[in-house]
N, C-alpha and C. Protein backbone atom coordinates (compact mmCIF):
# COMPACT_ATOMS: atom_id res chain seq x y z
N MET A 1 178.14 150.63 186.06
CA MET A 1 176.95 150.71 185.24
C MET A 1 175.80 149.91 185.88
N PHE A 2 176.11 148.67 186.29
CA PHE A 2 175.07 147.82 186.86
C PHE A 2 174.52 148.38 188.18
N PRO A 3 175.35 148.92 189.06
CA PRO A 3 174.79 149.51 190.30
C PRO A 3 173.84 150.67 190.01
N ARG A 4 174.08 151.43 188.95
CA ARG A 4 173.17 152.53 188.60
C ARG A 4 171.80 151.99 188.18
N ILE A 5 171.81 150.89 187.40
CA ILE A 5 170.55 150.30 186.96
C ILE A 5 169.76 149.82 188.16
N LEU A 6 170.42 149.18 189.11
CA LEU A 6 169.74 148.71 190.31
C LEU A 6 169.19 149.88 191.13
N THR A 7 169.95 150.97 191.19
CA THR A 7 169.49 152.14 191.94
C THR A 7 168.25 152.74 191.28
N ILE A 8 168.27 152.85 189.96
CA ILE A 8 167.11 153.40 189.24
C ILE A 8 165.89 152.50 189.43
N ALA A 9 166.07 151.17 189.33
CA ALA A 9 164.96 150.24 189.51
C ALA A 9 164.41 150.32 190.92
N PHE A 10 165.29 150.40 191.91
CA PHE A 10 164.85 150.50 193.30
C PHE A 10 164.06 151.78 193.55
N LEU A 11 164.54 152.90 193.03
CA LEU A 11 163.82 154.16 193.22
C LEU A 11 162.47 154.15 192.51
N TYR A 12 162.40 153.53 191.34
CA TYR A 12 161.13 153.44 190.62
C TYR A 12 160.11 152.63 191.42
N LEU A 13 160.54 151.45 191.92
CA LEU A 13 159.64 150.62 192.71
C LEU A 13 159.23 151.32 194.00
N LYS A 14 160.15 152.06 194.61
CA LYS A 14 159.85 152.76 195.87
C LYS A 14 158.81 153.85 195.64
N THR A 15 158.95 154.60 194.55
CA THR A 15 157.97 155.67 194.29
C THR A 15 156.64 155.11 193.81
N THR A 16 156.67 154.00 193.04
CA THR A 16 155.44 153.42 192.52
C THR A 16 154.61 152.77 193.62
N TYR A 17 155.24 152.01 194.49
CA TYR A 17 154.52 151.26 195.49
C TYR A 17 154.59 151.87 196.89
N SER A 18 154.88 153.13 196.98
CA SER A 18 154.92 153.78 198.30
C SER A 18 153.51 153.99 198.84
N SER A 19 152.54 154.09 197.96
CA SER A 19 151.16 154.27 198.39
C SER A 19 150.52 152.90 198.65
N ARG A 20 149.79 152.80 199.77
CA ARG A 20 149.13 151.55 200.13
C ARG A 20 148.06 151.18 199.10
N THR A 21 147.36 152.16 198.57
CA THR A 21 146.31 151.92 197.59
C THR A 21 146.89 151.30 196.31
N THR A 22 147.99 151.80 195.85
CA THR A 22 148.63 151.26 194.66
C THR A 22 149.07 149.82 194.90
N LEU A 23 149.59 149.56 196.07
CA LEU A 23 150.04 148.22 196.41
C LEU A 23 148.85 147.24 196.40
N ILE A 24 147.72 147.66 196.97
CA ILE A 24 146.54 146.80 197.02
C ILE A 24 146.00 146.53 195.61
N PHE A 25 145.86 147.59 194.80
CA PHE A 25 145.27 147.42 193.47
C PHE A 25 146.20 146.76 192.46
N SER A 26 147.48 146.79 192.67
CA SER A 26 148.38 146.20 191.69
C SER A 26 148.82 144.78 192.05
N ILE A 27 148.76 144.42 193.33
CA ILE A 27 149.21 143.08 193.71
C ILE A 27 148.08 142.25 194.32
N LEU A 28 147.44 142.77 195.34
CA LEU A 28 146.45 141.98 196.06
C LEU A 28 145.15 141.76 195.28
N MET A 29 144.64 142.78 194.63
CA MET A 29 143.38 142.63 193.90
C MET A 29 143.48 141.63 192.74
N PRO A 30 144.52 141.67 191.91
CA PRO A 30 144.63 140.64 190.87
C PRO A 30 144.69 139.23 191.43
N LEU A 31 145.39 139.04 192.53
CA LEU A 31 145.43 137.72 193.15
C LEU A 31 144.06 137.30 193.66
N LEU A 32 143.33 138.23 194.26
CA LEU A 32 141.99 137.94 194.75
C LEU A 32 141.04 137.60 193.60
N PHE A 33 141.07 138.40 192.52
CA PHE A 33 140.21 138.13 191.37
C PHE A 33 140.56 136.78 190.73
N THR A 34 141.83 136.47 190.64
CA THR A 34 142.24 135.19 190.08
C THR A 34 141.71 134.03 190.91
N PHE A 35 141.79 134.15 192.22
CA PHE A 35 141.29 133.10 193.10
C PHE A 35 139.78 132.93 192.97
N VAL A 36 139.04 134.05 193.01
CA VAL A 36 137.58 133.98 192.95
C VAL A 36 137.12 133.42 191.61
N LEU A 37 137.67 133.92 190.51
CA LEU A 37 137.27 133.41 189.20
C LEU A 37 137.69 131.96 189.00
N GLY A 38 138.84 131.59 189.53
CA GLY A 38 139.28 130.20 189.44
C GLY A 38 138.33 129.26 190.17
N GLN A 39 137.85 129.68 191.33
CA GLN A 39 136.90 128.87 192.07
C GLN A 39 135.56 128.76 191.33
N ALA A 40 135.11 129.88 190.78
CA ALA A 40 133.83 129.87 190.06
C ALA A 40 133.91 129.03 188.79
N MET A 41 134.96 129.19 188.03
CA MET A 41 135.10 128.44 186.79
C MET A 41 135.41 126.97 187.06
N GLY A 42 136.11 126.69 188.12
CA GLY A 42 136.39 125.30 188.48
C GLY A 42 135.13 124.55 188.81
N ALA A 43 134.19 125.21 189.46
CA ALA A 43 132.92 124.55 189.78
C ALA A 43 132.11 124.31 188.52
N ALA A 44 132.19 125.23 187.56
CA ALA A 44 131.40 125.09 186.33
C ALA A 44 132.03 124.08 185.37
N PHE A 45 133.35 124.11 185.23
CA PHE A 45 134.00 123.28 184.22
C PHE A 45 134.83 122.15 184.80
N GLY A 46 134.88 122.02 186.09
CA GLY A 46 135.72 121.01 186.71
C GLY A 46 135.13 119.62 186.70
N GLN A 47 133.88 119.47 186.29
CA GLN A 47 133.25 118.17 186.30
C GLN A 47 133.78 117.32 185.15
N GLU A 48 133.94 116.05 185.43
CA GLU A 48 134.39 115.13 184.40
C GLU A 48 133.26 114.89 183.39
N PRO A 49 133.58 114.87 182.10
CA PRO A 49 132.53 114.56 181.13
C PRO A 49 132.10 113.10 181.29
N PRO A 50 130.88 112.79 180.91
CA PRO A 50 130.45 111.40 181.03
C PRO A 50 131.27 110.49 180.13
N THR A 51 131.42 109.26 180.57
CA THR A 51 132.21 108.32 179.77
C THR A 51 131.35 107.51 178.82
N HIS A 52 130.03 107.59 178.96
CA HIS A 52 129.14 106.91 178.03
C HIS A 52 127.85 107.72 177.89
N TRP A 53 127.26 107.58 176.71
CA TRP A 53 126.07 108.36 176.39
C TRP A 53 124.95 107.42 175.97
N PRO A 54 123.72 107.79 176.32
CA PRO A 54 122.59 106.92 175.97
C PRO A 54 122.20 107.05 174.50
N LEU A 55 121.91 105.91 173.90
CA LEU A 55 121.46 105.85 172.51
C LEU A 55 120.21 104.98 172.47
N ALA A 56 119.12 105.56 172.01
CA ALA A 56 117.88 104.80 171.85
C ALA A 56 117.97 104.01 170.55
N VAL A 57 117.70 102.72 170.63
CA VAL A 57 117.77 101.85 169.45
C VAL A 57 116.40 101.24 169.22
N VAL A 58 115.90 101.38 167.99
CA VAL A 58 114.62 100.80 167.59
C VAL A 58 114.92 99.72 166.56
N ASP A 59 114.60 98.47 166.90
CA ASP A 59 114.84 97.35 165.99
C ASP A 59 113.52 96.93 165.35
N GLU A 60 113.26 97.47 164.16
CA GLU A 60 112.03 97.11 163.44
C GLU A 60 112.22 95.86 162.60
N ASP A 61 113.44 95.37 162.48
CA ASP A 61 113.72 94.19 161.67
C ASP A 61 113.72 92.92 162.51
N GLU A 62 114.33 92.97 163.67
CA GLU A 62 114.43 91.84 164.60
C GLU A 62 115.00 90.59 163.92
N SER A 63 116.02 90.79 163.11
CA SER A 63 116.69 89.67 162.45
C SER A 63 118.00 89.37 163.19
N VAL A 64 118.66 88.31 162.76
CA VAL A 64 119.94 87.95 163.34
C VAL A 64 120.97 89.05 163.09
N LEU A 65 120.94 89.63 161.90
CA LEU A 65 121.91 90.68 161.57
C LEU A 65 121.64 91.97 162.35
N SER A 66 120.38 92.29 162.58
CA SER A 66 120.10 93.49 163.38
C SER A 66 120.52 93.26 164.83
N GLN A 67 120.34 92.04 165.33
CA GLN A 67 120.80 91.72 166.69
C GLN A 67 122.33 91.77 166.78
N ASN A 68 122.98 91.34 165.71
CA ASN A 68 124.45 91.42 165.65
C ASN A 68 124.90 92.87 165.66
N PHE A 69 124.20 93.71 164.92
CA PHE A 69 124.52 95.14 164.89
C PHE A 69 124.35 95.76 166.28
N ILE A 70 123.27 95.42 166.96
CA ILE A 70 123.02 95.95 168.30
C ILE A 70 124.09 95.46 169.27
N ALA A 71 124.51 94.22 169.13
CA ALA A 71 125.57 93.68 169.99
C ALA A 71 126.88 94.44 169.78
N ARG A 72 127.15 94.82 168.54
CA ARG A 72 128.36 95.61 168.27
C ARG A 72 128.26 97.01 168.88
N LEU A 73 127.06 97.58 168.88
CA LEU A 73 126.87 98.86 169.55
C LEU A 73 127.07 98.73 171.06
N GLN A 74 126.55 97.65 171.63
CA GLN A 74 126.68 97.44 173.06
C GLN A 74 128.13 97.17 173.46
N ALA A 75 128.92 96.66 172.55
CA ALA A 75 130.33 96.39 172.84
C ALA A 75 131.14 97.68 172.93
N ASN A 76 130.61 98.76 172.39
CA ASN A 76 131.30 100.06 172.44
C ASN A 76 131.12 100.64 173.84
N SER A 77 132.22 100.96 174.51
CA SER A 77 132.16 101.41 175.90
C SER A 77 131.59 102.82 176.05
N THR A 78 131.50 103.57 174.98
CA THR A 78 130.96 104.93 175.09
C THR A 78 129.46 105.01 174.86
N VAL A 79 128.85 103.89 174.47
CA VAL A 79 127.43 103.89 174.13
C VAL A 79 126.65 103.07 175.16
N GLU A 80 125.59 103.66 175.65
CA GLU A 80 124.66 102.94 176.53
C GLU A 80 123.37 102.71 175.73
N VAL A 81 123.22 101.50 175.22
CA VAL A 81 122.11 101.16 174.32
C VAL A 81 120.84 100.96 175.15
N GLY A 82 119.78 101.62 174.70
CA GLY A 82 118.47 101.44 175.30
C GLY A 82 117.48 101.04 174.23
N MET A 83 116.96 99.83 174.33
CA MET A 83 116.00 99.35 173.34
C MET A 83 114.63 99.98 173.61
N THR A 84 113.97 100.43 172.55
CA THR A 84 112.68 101.09 172.69
C THR A 84 111.91 100.97 171.38
N ASP A 85 110.73 101.55 171.35
CA ASP A 85 109.96 101.58 170.11
C ASP A 85 110.11 102.95 169.46
N ARG A 86 109.64 103.07 168.23
CA ARG A 86 109.83 104.29 167.45
C ARG A 86 109.22 105.52 168.13
N GLU A 87 107.99 105.41 168.61
CA GLU A 87 107.31 106.57 169.19
C GLU A 87 108.03 107.07 170.44
N THR A 88 108.45 106.14 171.30
CA THR A 88 109.15 106.52 172.52
C THR A 88 110.49 107.16 172.20
N ALA A 89 111.19 106.61 171.23
CA ALA A 89 112.49 107.16 170.85
C ALA A 89 112.35 108.58 170.32
N LEU A 90 111.40 108.80 169.44
CA LEU A 90 111.22 110.14 168.87
C LEU A 90 110.73 111.13 169.92
N ALA A 91 109.88 110.67 170.85
CA ALA A 91 109.42 111.55 171.92
C ALA A 91 110.56 111.93 172.85
N SER A 92 111.47 110.99 173.11
CA SER A 92 112.60 111.31 173.99
C SER A 92 113.55 112.32 173.36
N LEU A 93 113.64 112.32 172.02
CA LEU A 93 114.49 113.31 171.35
C LEU A 93 113.95 114.72 171.50
N GLU A 94 112.65 114.85 171.60
CA GLU A 94 112.06 116.17 171.78
C GLU A 94 112.25 116.69 173.19
N GLU A 95 112.50 115.80 174.13
CA GLU A 95 112.68 116.22 175.52
C GLU A 95 114.17 116.33 175.85
N ASP A 96 114.75 115.25 176.36
CA ASP A 96 116.14 115.32 176.81
C ASP A 96 117.03 114.24 176.20
N GLY A 97 116.50 113.45 175.28
CA GLY A 97 117.30 112.41 174.65
C GLY A 97 118.37 113.00 173.74
N ILE A 98 119.39 112.24 173.48
CA ILE A 98 120.50 112.72 172.65
C ILE A 98 120.34 112.26 171.21
N ALA A 99 120.19 110.94 171.02
CA ALA A 99 120.11 110.40 169.66
C ALA A 99 119.38 109.07 169.67
N ALA A 100 118.90 108.70 168.50
CA ALA A 100 118.23 107.41 168.30
C ALA A 100 118.60 106.88 166.93
N VAL A 101 118.72 105.56 166.85
CA VAL A 101 118.96 104.91 165.57
C VAL A 101 117.83 103.90 165.36
N ILE A 102 117.24 103.96 164.17
CA ILE A 102 116.13 103.08 163.83
C ILE A 102 116.61 102.11 162.76
N ILE A 103 116.56 100.82 163.10
CA ILE A 103 116.94 99.77 162.16
C ILE A 103 115.68 99.41 161.38
N PRO A 104 115.64 99.69 160.08
CA PRO A 104 114.40 99.49 159.32
C PRO A 104 114.08 98.01 159.11
N ALA A 105 112.82 97.73 158.90
CA ALA A 105 112.40 96.37 158.55
C ALA A 105 113.05 95.99 157.23
N GLY A 106 113.48 94.76 157.12
CA GLY A 106 114.16 94.30 155.91
C GLY A 106 115.66 94.53 155.95
N PHE A 107 116.19 94.99 157.07
CA PHE A 107 117.62 95.28 157.22
C PHE A 107 118.46 94.03 156.98
N GLY A 108 118.10 92.93 157.66
CA GLY A 108 118.88 91.70 157.55
C GLY A 108 118.89 91.14 156.14
N GLY A 109 117.74 91.14 155.49
CA GLY A 109 117.67 90.62 154.13
C GLY A 109 118.47 91.47 153.16
N ALA A 110 118.36 92.78 153.29
CA ALA A 110 119.09 93.66 152.39
C ALA A 110 120.60 93.53 152.58
N VAL A 111 121.04 93.42 153.84
CA VAL A 111 122.47 93.26 154.11
C VAL A 111 122.95 91.93 153.57
N SER A 112 122.16 90.87 153.72
CA SER A 112 122.53 89.54 153.21
C SER A 112 122.67 89.53 151.70
N ARG A 113 121.81 90.29 151.02
CA ARG A 113 121.88 90.37 149.55
C ARG A 113 122.99 91.30 149.08
N GLY A 114 123.54 92.08 149.98
CA GLY A 114 124.58 93.03 149.59
C GLY A 114 124.04 94.36 149.15
N ASP A 115 122.76 94.59 149.40
CA ASP A 115 122.15 95.87 149.04
C ASP A 115 122.58 96.96 150.03
N ALA A 116 122.56 98.19 149.58
CA ALA A 116 122.87 99.31 150.46
C ALA A 116 121.69 99.53 151.41
N VAL A 117 121.99 99.68 152.68
CA VAL A 117 120.97 99.88 153.70
C VAL A 117 121.27 101.18 154.42
N THR A 118 120.25 101.99 154.62
CA THR A 118 120.42 103.25 155.34
C THR A 118 119.74 103.13 156.69
N LEU A 119 120.53 103.32 157.74
CA LEU A 119 119.98 103.36 159.08
C LEU A 119 119.43 104.75 159.33
N ASP A 120 118.32 104.83 160.00
CA ASP A 120 117.68 106.12 160.30
C ASP A 120 118.24 106.63 161.62
N PHE A 121 119.19 107.57 161.54
CA PHE A 121 119.80 108.15 162.74
C PHE A 121 119.18 109.51 162.98
N ARG A 122 118.62 109.70 164.15
CA ARG A 122 118.00 110.98 164.51
C ARG A 122 118.70 111.52 165.74
N GLN A 123 118.78 112.86 165.81
CA GLN A 123 119.46 113.48 166.95
C GLN A 123 118.69 114.67 167.46
N ASN A 124 118.93 114.98 168.73
CA ASN A 124 118.35 116.15 169.37
C ASN A 124 119.12 117.37 168.87
N ALA A 125 118.42 118.39 168.43
CA ALA A 125 119.07 119.58 167.89
C ALA A 125 119.88 120.33 168.93
N ASN A 126 119.57 120.13 170.20
CA ASN A 126 120.31 120.82 171.28
C ASN A 126 121.53 120.05 171.74
N GLN A 127 121.74 118.85 171.23
CA GLN A 127 122.84 117.99 171.67
C GLN A 127 123.70 117.54 170.48
N ILE A 128 124.01 118.46 169.60
CA ILE A 128 124.66 118.08 168.34
C ILE A 128 126.04 117.47 168.55
N THR A 129 126.85 118.03 169.44
CA THR A 129 128.21 117.53 169.65
C THR A 129 128.19 116.11 170.17
N THR A 130 127.38 115.86 171.19
CA THR A 130 127.31 114.52 171.75
C THR A 130 126.68 113.55 170.75
N ALA A 131 125.71 114.02 169.98
CA ALA A 131 125.08 113.17 168.99
C ALA A 131 126.08 112.74 167.91
N GLN A 132 127.05 113.60 167.61
CA GLN A 132 128.07 113.23 166.63
C GLN A 132 128.92 112.08 167.13
N ILE A 133 129.19 112.07 168.43
CA ILE A 133 129.95 110.95 169.01
C ILE A 133 129.16 109.66 168.85
N LEU A 134 127.86 109.73 169.13
CA LEU A 134 127.02 108.54 168.98
C LEU A 134 126.88 108.13 167.53
N GLN A 135 126.82 109.10 166.62
CA GLN A 135 126.72 108.76 165.20
C GLN A 135 127.98 108.04 164.73
N GLU A 136 129.13 108.46 165.22
CA GLU A 136 130.38 107.77 164.86
C GLU A 136 130.40 106.35 165.41
N ALA A 137 129.83 106.16 166.59
CA ALA A 137 129.74 104.80 167.15
C ALA A 137 128.83 103.93 166.29
N VAL A 138 127.72 104.49 165.82
CA VAL A 138 126.81 103.76 164.93
C VAL A 138 127.51 103.43 163.62
N ASN A 139 128.23 104.40 163.07
CA ASN A 139 128.97 104.16 161.82
C ASN A 139 130.03 103.08 162.00
N ALA A 140 130.71 103.08 163.15
CA ALA A 140 131.73 102.08 163.41
C ALA A 140 131.12 100.69 163.51
N ALA A 141 129.98 100.57 164.20
CA ALA A 141 129.32 99.27 164.33
C ALA A 141 128.84 98.79 162.96
N ALA A 142 128.33 99.70 162.14
CA ALA A 142 127.88 99.32 160.79
C ALA A 142 129.06 98.88 159.93
N ALA A 143 130.18 99.56 160.06
CA ALA A 143 131.37 99.18 159.28
C ALA A 143 131.90 97.82 159.74
N GLU A 144 131.87 97.56 161.05
CA GLU A 144 132.30 96.24 161.54
C GLU A 144 131.40 95.14 160.99
N LEU A 145 130.10 95.38 161.02
CA LEU A 145 129.15 94.38 160.51
C LEU A 145 129.38 94.15 159.01
N ALA A 146 129.55 95.24 158.26
CA ALA A 146 129.80 95.10 156.82
C ALA A 146 131.10 94.36 156.55
N GLY A 147 132.13 94.63 157.34
CA GLY A 147 133.40 93.93 157.18
C GLY A 147 133.27 92.44 157.48
N SER A 148 132.51 92.11 158.52
CA SER A 148 132.30 90.70 158.85
C SER A 148 131.55 89.98 157.75
N ILE A 149 130.55 90.63 157.19
CA ILE A 149 129.76 90.01 156.12
C ILE A 149 130.60 89.85 154.86
N ALA A 150 131.42 90.86 154.56
CA ALA A 150 132.28 90.76 153.38
C ALA A 150 133.30 89.63 153.55
N ALA A 151 133.85 89.49 154.76
CA ALA A 151 134.81 88.40 155.00
C ALA A 151 134.13 87.04 154.89
N ALA A 152 132.91 86.92 155.41
CA ALA A 152 132.18 85.66 155.33
C ALA A 152 131.85 85.33 153.87
N ASP A 153 131.42 86.33 153.11
CA ASP A 153 131.09 86.12 151.70
C ASP A 153 132.32 85.68 150.91
N LEU A 154 133.45 86.32 151.19
CA LEU A 154 134.69 85.95 150.51
C LEU A 154 135.10 84.53 150.87
N SER A 155 134.94 84.16 152.13
CA SER A 155 135.29 82.80 152.56
C SER A 155 134.42 81.76 151.87
N VAL A 156 133.15 82.05 151.73
CA VAL A 156 132.24 81.11 151.07
C VAL A 156 132.60 80.96 149.59
N ARG A 157 132.92 82.08 148.94
CA ARG A 157 133.29 82.00 147.51
C ARG A 157 134.58 81.21 147.31
N ILE A 158 135.55 81.43 148.18
CA ILE A 158 136.83 80.69 148.05
C ILE A 158 136.62 79.21 148.33
N ALA A 159 135.81 78.91 149.37
CA ALA A 159 135.52 77.50 149.68
C ALA A 159 134.80 76.83 148.51
N ASP A 160 133.93 77.55 147.85
CA ASP A 160 133.22 77.00 146.68
C ASP A 160 134.19 76.77 145.52
N GLN A 161 135.11 77.69 145.31
CA GLN A 161 136.09 77.54 144.21
C GLN A 161 137.04 76.37 144.49
N VAL A 162 137.39 76.18 145.73
CA VAL A 162 138.31 75.10 146.08
C VAL A 162 137.60 73.75 146.02
N GLY A 163 136.29 73.76 146.14
CA GLY A 163 135.51 72.54 146.04
C GLY A 163 135.14 71.95 147.38
N LEU A 164 135.14 72.74 148.42
CA LEU A 164 134.79 72.23 149.74
C LEU A 164 133.32 71.89 149.87
N PHE A 165 132.49 72.47 149.01
CA PHE A 165 131.06 72.21 149.10
C PHE A 165 130.62 71.05 148.20
N ASP A 166 131.53 70.48 147.42
CA ASP A 166 131.18 69.37 146.53
C ASP A 166 131.10 68.07 147.33
N GLY A 167 130.11 67.28 147.03
CA GLY A 167 129.97 65.96 147.65
C GLY A 167 129.58 66.08 149.06
């Protein structure tokens, strides 16, 4: 039974690939197309993505807490912080900039009082995916700052209850 199957397979391959044209179009051309497309796509997509992205930062508050927030952004290895003014930051977004965060005046005082503060995050409409990465970095820095302030506030309240500030 098995020798018959091999004979049938051999005769099929012999009749199918007996023509040189069939051999070229069924074996050589697919290999050639695969090579050419692989080279073309490798050049287009083979580049490594950048490991850090520029973020324009506008500090309109210039307080200790806003400087602390900026330091936390700079500590993030994916963010390249560039200090600028509001007009330059917004103009860069219209050209080739990715994103900008504006720290409003009164940021430090509002954070110290425990008030909710909204950072003004702006992004280039053509760079939405990359801007989302930067927005997450800004959110992470804000959460770190809020956590540090909450821990400091809790420490002060406990020290006051224990009586460390008396006398």
